[in-house]
Amino acid sequence: MEIRNNVNERALKSSYAEAYKDQDFRRLVKTIKADDKTAMKYTSSLQETTKELNHCRNCPGLIYCQNRLEGHIMYPRCNDNQIIFSYMPCKYEKERREKEKNRMTRDKELSLASMAQIDGTDKKRVPVIKWLINFCDQYDPNKNNKGLYLHGTFGCGKTYLISAAFNELSKKRISTEIVYYPELLRDLKSDFDTFADRIDYLENVDLLLIDDIGAEKVTEWSRDEILGTILQHRMNNYKATFFTSNLNIEQLEEHLIINSNIDEIVKAKRIIERIKQLSEDMELIGENKRK
């Protein structure tokens, strides 16, 4: 037994000495203030943490995470003569949780939006409110109904107003969907198992709001394969489509151009023409109601 213990101890020391040659491993041991005798017992786990920290160093986002648990680092904490490992969220996971928390709060607020409760005292909002009331009164899923491209200042209530109209129409069993466009693109990219079903649903839902278009990073994939495909199908099938943006239609066109190549300009114009076919252009300027 004693011989076996001596062999095991020599193996541990050898393994630890080899790992300690790596400067990142040494830095981790010093950071958690573990002595060599204690750290030696956890060599393989400390090497795993070192590996995960290196993954995180140049990671551009959650969908590229290479760690064992996505968005987390198995981080050590030295306590007396033992090291305790626990999963700690990375900066991207923290951002995701905060956005999810905000989204849940926002979704609840939008789900309760009502045309009857809209503040109509601001004269700048009146034309948009009247347009939406008229849309609710005249909407017929069997006819070609144009939606709204509503652009204007940040936080002035664009999404809330359209949500209120959607909620009114959902009472008549009209299917509605609101997608925050930058988040939709992230979800589609990270979950290919549901990709086809999600696109099919967005193409065919009665009323669709593409919220905050223009806030996304434009790629050929997001513009041509996702946005272009959805808009073309909805245009062909007379599906009412709404948009909110901080950009007016001319600014959105510039945003959709990836470079100055003539093909890029044509592709951007094609998207804008679809938006014009699907919606009427209106502006909403008002105070930031998210203060």
Protein backbone atom coordinates (compact mmCIF):
# COMPACT_ATOMS: atom_id res chain seq x y z
CA MET A 1 0.00 0.00 0.00
CA GLU A 2 2.81 2.39 0.94
CA ILE A 3 4.58 1.66 -2.36
CA ARG A 4 1.37 2.38 -4.28
CA ASN A 5 0.88 5.66 -2.43
CA ASN A 6 4.46 6.69 -3.20
CA VAL A 7 3.92 5.90 -6.88
CA ASN A 8 0.70 7.91 -6.94
CA GLU A 9 2.35 10.85 -5.22
CA ARG A 10 5.23 10.84 -7.69
CA ALA A 11 2.75 10.75 -10.56
CA LEU A 12 0.84 13.70 -9.08
CA LYS A 13 4.05 15.70 -8.64
CA SER A 14 5.17 14.91 -12.18
CA SER A 15 1.80 15.86 -13.65
CA TYR A 16 1.70 19.08 -11.62
CA ALA A 17 5.26 20.02 -12.56
CA GLU A 18 4.44 19.55 -16.23
CA ALA A 19 1.25 21.63 -15.95
CA TYR A 20 3.09 24.34 -14.01
CA LYS A 21 5.31 25.01 -17.02
CA ASP A 22 2.32 26.72 -18.62
CA GLN A 23 2.20 30.41 -17.64
CA ASP A 24 -1.61 30.53 -17.74
CA PHE A 25 -1.78 27.59 -15.33
CA ARG A 26 0.75 29.26 -13.01
CA ARG A 27 -1.20 32.52 -13.12
CA LEU A 28 -4.42 30.71 -12.16
CA VAL A 29 -2.77 28.97 -9.18
CA LYS A 30 -1.37 32.28 -7.94
CA THR A 31 -4.67 34.09 -8.49
CA ILE A 32 -6.61 31.70 -6.26
CA LYS A 33 -3.74 31.73 -3.75
CA ALA A 34 -3.35 27.96 -3.59
CA ASP A 35 -0.14 26.43 -2.35
CA ASP A 36 1.56 23.77 -4.48
CA LYS A 37 0.61 20.91 -2.16
CA THR A 38 -3.08 21.78 -2.41
CA ALA A 39 -3.07 22.68 -6.11
CA MET A 40 -1.29 19.46 -7.00
CA LYS A 41 -4.36 17.44 -5.93
CA TYR A 42 -6.50 19.28 -8.49
CA THR A 43 -4.08 19.47 -11.44
CA SER A 44 -6.47 18.13 -14.09
CA SER A 45 -9.38 20.35 -12.98
CA LEU A 46 -7.14 23.42 -12.87
CA GLN A 47 -5.93 22.57 -16.37
CA GLU A 48 -9.57 22.40 -17.50
CA THR A 49 -10.23 25.86 -16.03
CA THR A 50 -7.10 27.20 -17.75
CA LYS A 51 -8.39 25.78 -21.03
CA GLU A 52 -11.81 27.36 -20.54
CA LEU A 53 -10.29 30.74 -19.66
CA ASN A 54 -8.30 30.61 -22.89
CA HIS A 55 -11.49 29.84 -24.80
CA CYS A 56 -13.10 32.92 -23.26
CA ARG A 57 -10.19 35.24 -23.97
CA ASN A 58 -11.05 35.81 -27.65
CA CYS A 59 -14.63 34.53 -27.70
CA PRO A 60 -16.92 36.79 -29.80
CA GLY A 61 -20.19 35.53 -28.33
CA LEU A 62 -22.25 32.75 -26.77
CA ILE A 63 -22.87 30.84 -29.98
CA TYR A 64 -19.11 30.33 -30.32
CA CYS A 65 -18.64 29.07 -26.74
CA GLN A 66 -16.35 26.01 -26.51
CA ASN A 67 -16.65 25.43 -22.78
CA ARG A 68 -18.27 22.40 -21.19
CA LEU A 69 -21.28 24.41 -20.04
CA GLU A 70 -22.19 27.13 -22.54
CA GLY A 71 -21.64 30.64 -21.22
CA HIS A 72 -19.92 29.46 -18.04
CA ILE A 73 -16.42 28.91 -16.69
CA MET A 74 -15.62 26.16 -14.17
CA TYR A 75 -13.82 28.47 -11.77
CA PRO A 76 -11.90 27.41 -8.63
CA ARG A 77 -11.93 28.87 -5.14
CA CYS A 78 -9.33 27.89 -2.56
CA ASN A 79 -10.70 27.12 0.89
CA ASP A 80 -8.14 25.97 3.47
CA ASN A 81 -6.61 22.78 2.07
CA GLN A 82 -9.13 22.16 -0.68
CA ILE A 83 -10.21 23.76 -3.94
CA ILE A 84 -13.90 24.09 -4.71
CA PHE A 85 -15.00 24.43 -8.35
CA SER A 86 -18.25 26.09 -9.39
CA TYR A 87 -19.67 27.31 -12.69
CA MET A 88 -19.48 31.08 -13.09
CA PRO A 89 -21.33 32.90 -15.91
CA CYS A 90 -19.19 34.75 -18.47
CA LYS A 91 -19.89 38.33 -19.54
CA TYR A 92 -21.99 37.18 -22.49
CA GLU A 93 -24.12 34.91 -20.30
CA LYS A 94 -24.63 37.79 -17.85
CA GLU A 95 -25.73 40.02 -20.74
CA ARG A 96 -28.07 37.28 -21.98
CA ARG A 97 -29.67 36.93 -18.55
CA GLU A 98 -30.14 40.69 -18.25
CA LYS A 99 -31.66 40.89 -21.73
CA GLU A 100 -33.92 37.95 -20.95
CA LYS A 101 -35.06 39.65 -17.76
CA ASN A 102 -35.74 42.89 -19.65
CA ARG A 103 -37.47 41.01 -22.46
CA MET A 104 -39.81 39.24 -20.03
CA THR A 105 -40.71 42.57 -18.43
CA ARG A 106 -41.18 44.14 -21.85
CA ASP A 107 -43.21 41.21 -23.20
CA LYS A 108 -45.54 41.37 -20.22
CA GLU A 109 -46.02 45.10 -20.75
CA LEU A 110 -46.72 44.61 -24.46
CA SER A 111 -49.13 41.73 -23.79
CA LEU A 112 -51.22 44.12 -21.66
CA ALA A 113 -51.14 46.99 -24.18
CA SER A 114 -54.63 48.21 -25.01
CA MET A 115 -55.96 50.71 -27.53
CA ALA A 116 -58.34 51.99 -24.85
CA GLN A 117 -55.44 52.87 -22.55
CA ILE A 118 -53.25 54.64 -25.09
CA ASP A 119 -52.34 58.20 -24.12
CA GLY A 120 -53.75 60.38 -26.89
CA THR A 121 -52.92 63.74 -25.30
CA ASP A 122 -49.67 64.04 -27.27
CA LYS A 123 -50.76 65.49 -30.62
CA LYS A 124 -47.72 64.01 -32.35
CA ARG A 125 -49.08 60.52 -31.65
CA VAL A 126 -52.63 61.20 -32.88
CA PRO A 127 -52.06 60.43 -36.62
CA VAL A 128 -50.50 57.06 -35.78
CA ILE A 129 -53.25 56.23 -33.28
CA LYS A 130 -55.93 57.09 -35.83
CA TRP A 131 -54.19 54.94 -38.46
CA LEU A 132 -54.09 51.97 -36.09
CA ILE A 133 -57.74 52.38 -35.05
CA ASN A 134 -58.73 52.43 -38.71
CA PHE A 135 -56.58 49.36 -39.39
CA CYS A 136 -58.27 47.44 -36.56
CA ASP A 137 -61.71 48.42 -37.82
CA GLN A 138 -61.06 47.52 -41.46
CA TYR A 139 -58.67 44.57 -41.21
CA ASP A 140 -59.74 41.54 -43.23
CA PRO A 141 -57.36 38.54 -43.36
CA ASN A 142 -58.75 37.64 -46.79
CA LYS A 143 -57.75 40.98 -48.31
CA ASN A 144 -54.48 42.75 -49.04
CA ASN A 145 -53.85 44.80 -45.91
CA LYS A 146 -50.83 47.06 -45.69
CA GLY A 147 -49.04 47.27 -42.37
CA LEU A 148 -47.01 50.17 -41.03
CA TYR A 149 -43.35 51.13 -41.18
CA LEU A 150 -43.20 53.21 -38.02
CA HIS A 151 -39.93 55.04 -37.44
CA GLY A 152 -38.92 57.71 -34.96
CA THR A 153 -37.11 58.56 -31.78
CA PHE A 154 -35.90 55.96 -29.31
CA GLY A 155 -38.42 54.86 -26.69
CA CYS A 156 -41.33 56.94 -27.94
CA GLY A 157 -43.79 54.03 -27.85
CA LYS A 158 -43.69 52.69 -31.41
CA THR A 159 -43.77 49.03 -30.38
CA TYR A 160 -46.36 49.63 -27.65
CA LEU A 161 -48.83 51.26 -30.05
CA ILE A 162 -48.62 48.47 -32.60
CA SER A 163 -48.83 45.85 -29.82
CA ALA A 164 -52.05 47.46 -28.61
CA ALA A 165 -53.54 47.09 -32.10
CA PHE A 166 -52.35 43.47 -32.32
CA ASN A 167 -53.94 42.69 -28.96
CA GLU A 168 -57.26 44.09 -30.14
CA LEU A 169 -57.19 41.96 -33.28
CA SER A 170 -56.06 38.82 -31.44
CA LYS A 171 -59.43 38.94 -29.63
CA LYS A 172 -60.94 38.17 -33.04
CA ARG A 173 -58.71 35.07 -33.34
CA ILE A 174 -56.27 36.81 -35.65
CA SER A 175 -52.78 35.31 -35.20
CA THR A 176 -50.11 37.86 -34.31
CA GLU A 177 -46.37 37.77 -33.65
CA ILE A 178 -43.84 40.36 -32.49
CA VAL A 179 -40.15 39.60 -33.04
CA TYR A 180 -37.27 41.74 -31.87
CA TYR A 181 -35.25 41.50 -35.05
CA PRO A 182 -31.64 41.40 -33.71
CA GLU A 183 -32.66 38.71 -31.20
CA LEU A 184 -34.49 36.73 -33.88
CA LEU A 185 -31.30 36.54 -35.95
CA ARG A 186 -29.29 35.33 -32.95
CA ASP A 187 -31.91 32.67 -32.17
CA LEU A 188 -32.06 31.42 -35.75
CA LYS A 189 -28.28 31.18 -35.96
CA SER A 190 -27.96 29.24 -32.71
CA ASP A 191 -30.87 26.81 -33.16
CA PHE A 192 -30.92 25.19 -36.58
CA ASP A 193 -33.23 22.41 -35.36
CA THR A 194 -36.19 24.80 -35.29
CA PHE A 195 -34.97 27.07 -38.09
CA ALA A 196 -37.35 25.89 -40.83
CA ASP A 197 -40.41 25.83 -38.57
CA ARG A 198 -39.67 29.31 -37.24
CA ILE A 199 -39.29 30.80 -40.71
CA ASP A 200 -42.46 29.08 -41.91
CA TYR A 201 -44.40 30.51 -38.96
CA LEU A 202 -43.11 34.04 -39.54
CA GLU A 203 -43.98 33.80 -43.21
CA ASN A 204 -47.58 32.79 -42.52
CA VAL A 205 -48.74 34.40 -39.27
CA ASP A 206 -51.59 36.85 -39.99
CA LEU A 207 -49.93 39.91 -38.45
CA LEU A 208 -46.17 40.23 -37.99
CA LEU A 209 -44.23 43.04 -36.34
CA ILE A 210 -40.49 43.10 -37.08
CA ASP A 211 -39.38 45.24 -34.17
CA ASP A 212 -36.28 47.46 -34.26
CA ILE A 213 -35.18 46.65 -37.79
CA GLY A 214 -31.94 48.50 -38.47
CA ALA A 215 -30.46 47.68 -35.05
CA GLU A 216 -28.98 44.41 -36.31
CA LYS A 217 -25.54 43.74 -37.78
CA VAL A 218 -26.19 43.28 -41.49
CA THR A 219 -24.87 40.21 -43.30
CA GLU A 220 -25.89 38.71 -46.62
CA TRP A 221 -27.46 35.84 -44.67
CA SER A 222 -29.57 38.06 -42.40
CA ARG A 223 -30.62 40.40 -45.18
CA ASP A 224 -31.17 38.14 -48.18
CA GLU A 225 -31.89 34.68 -46.77
CA ILE A 226 -33.85 35.66 -43.66
CA LEU A 227 -35.42 39.08 -44.09
CA GLY A 228 -35.76 38.86 -47.88
CA THR A 229 -37.32 35.40 -47.76
CA ILE A 230 -39.86 36.31 -45.07
CA LEU A 231 -40.87 39.56 -46.76
CA GLN A 232 -41.20 38.00 -50.22
CA HIS A 233 -43.49 35.25 -48.95
CA ARG A 234 -45.64 37.67 -46.99
CA MET A 235 -45.87 40.02 -49.95
CA ASN A 236 -46.93 37.18 -52.26
CA ASN A 237 -49.60 36.05 -49.81
CA TYR A 238 -50.91 39.49 -48.79
CA LYS A 239 -49.87 39.15 -45.15
CA ALA A 240 -49.96 42.43 -43.21
CA THR A 241 -46.47 43.24 -41.96
CA PHE A 242 -45.39 45.96 -39.54
CA PHE A 243 -41.96 47.38 -38.79
CA THR A 244 -40.53 49.65 -36.12
CA SER A 245 -37.17 51.36 -36.47
CA ASN A 246 -35.10 54.28 -35.26
CA LEU A 247 -34.16 54.76 -38.93
CA ASN A 248 -36.30 56.28 -41.63
CA ILE A 249 -36.67 54.31 -44.84
CA GLU A 250 -33.76 56.07 -46.59
CA GLN A 251 -31.45 55.47 -43.62
CA LEU A 252 -32.52 51.82 -43.48
CA GLU A 253 -31.58 51.40 -47.13
CA GLU A 254 -28.09 52.75 -46.38
CA HIS A 255 -27.87 50.43 -43.38
CA LEU A 256 -28.64 47.39 -45.54
CA ILE A 257 -25.75 48.08 -47.93
CA ILE A 258 -22.75 46.04 -46.75
CA ASN A 259 -20.28 47.65 -49.18
CA SER A 260 -20.34 49.97 -52.19
CA ASN A 261 -20.53 47.13 -54.70
CA ILE A 262 -23.38 47.68 -57.18
CA ASP A 263 -24.85 44.26 -56.37
CA GLU A 264 -25.07 45.25 -52.71
CA ILE A 265 -26.93 48.43 -53.55
CA VAL A 266 -29.40 46.49 -55.70
CA LYS A 267 -30.00 43.90 -52.94
CA ALA A 268 -30.66 46.64 -50.39
CA LYS A 269 -33.08 48.38 -52.72
CA ARG A 270 -34.90 45.09 -53.28
CA ILE A 271 -35.53 44.75 -49.53
CA ILE A 272 -36.74 48.36 -49.31
CA GLU A 273 -39.15 47.82 -52.20
CA ARG A 274 -40.65 44.84 -50.40
CA ILE A 275 -41.05 46.90 -47.23
CA LYS A 276 -42.79 49.64 -49.24
CA GLN A 277 -45.11 47.07 -50.81
CA LEU A 278 -45.99 45.68 -47.40
CA SER A 279 -46.36 48.85 -45.34
CA GLU A 280 -47.14 52.55 -45.18
CA ASP A 281 -44.42 54.88 -43.94
CA MET A 282 -45.15 56.98 -40.85
CA GLU A 283 -43.02 58.86 -38.36
CA LEU A 284 -43.51 59.06 -34.59
CA ILE A 285 -41.56 61.67 -32.64
CA GLY A 286 -42.04 61.92 -28.92
CA GLU A 287 -40.44 61.83 -25.51
CA ASN A 288 -38.60 58.75 -24.31
CA LYS A 289 -41.20 56.78 -22.33
CA ARG A 290 -38.55 54.30 -21.11
CA LYS A 291 -36.93 56.83 -18.78
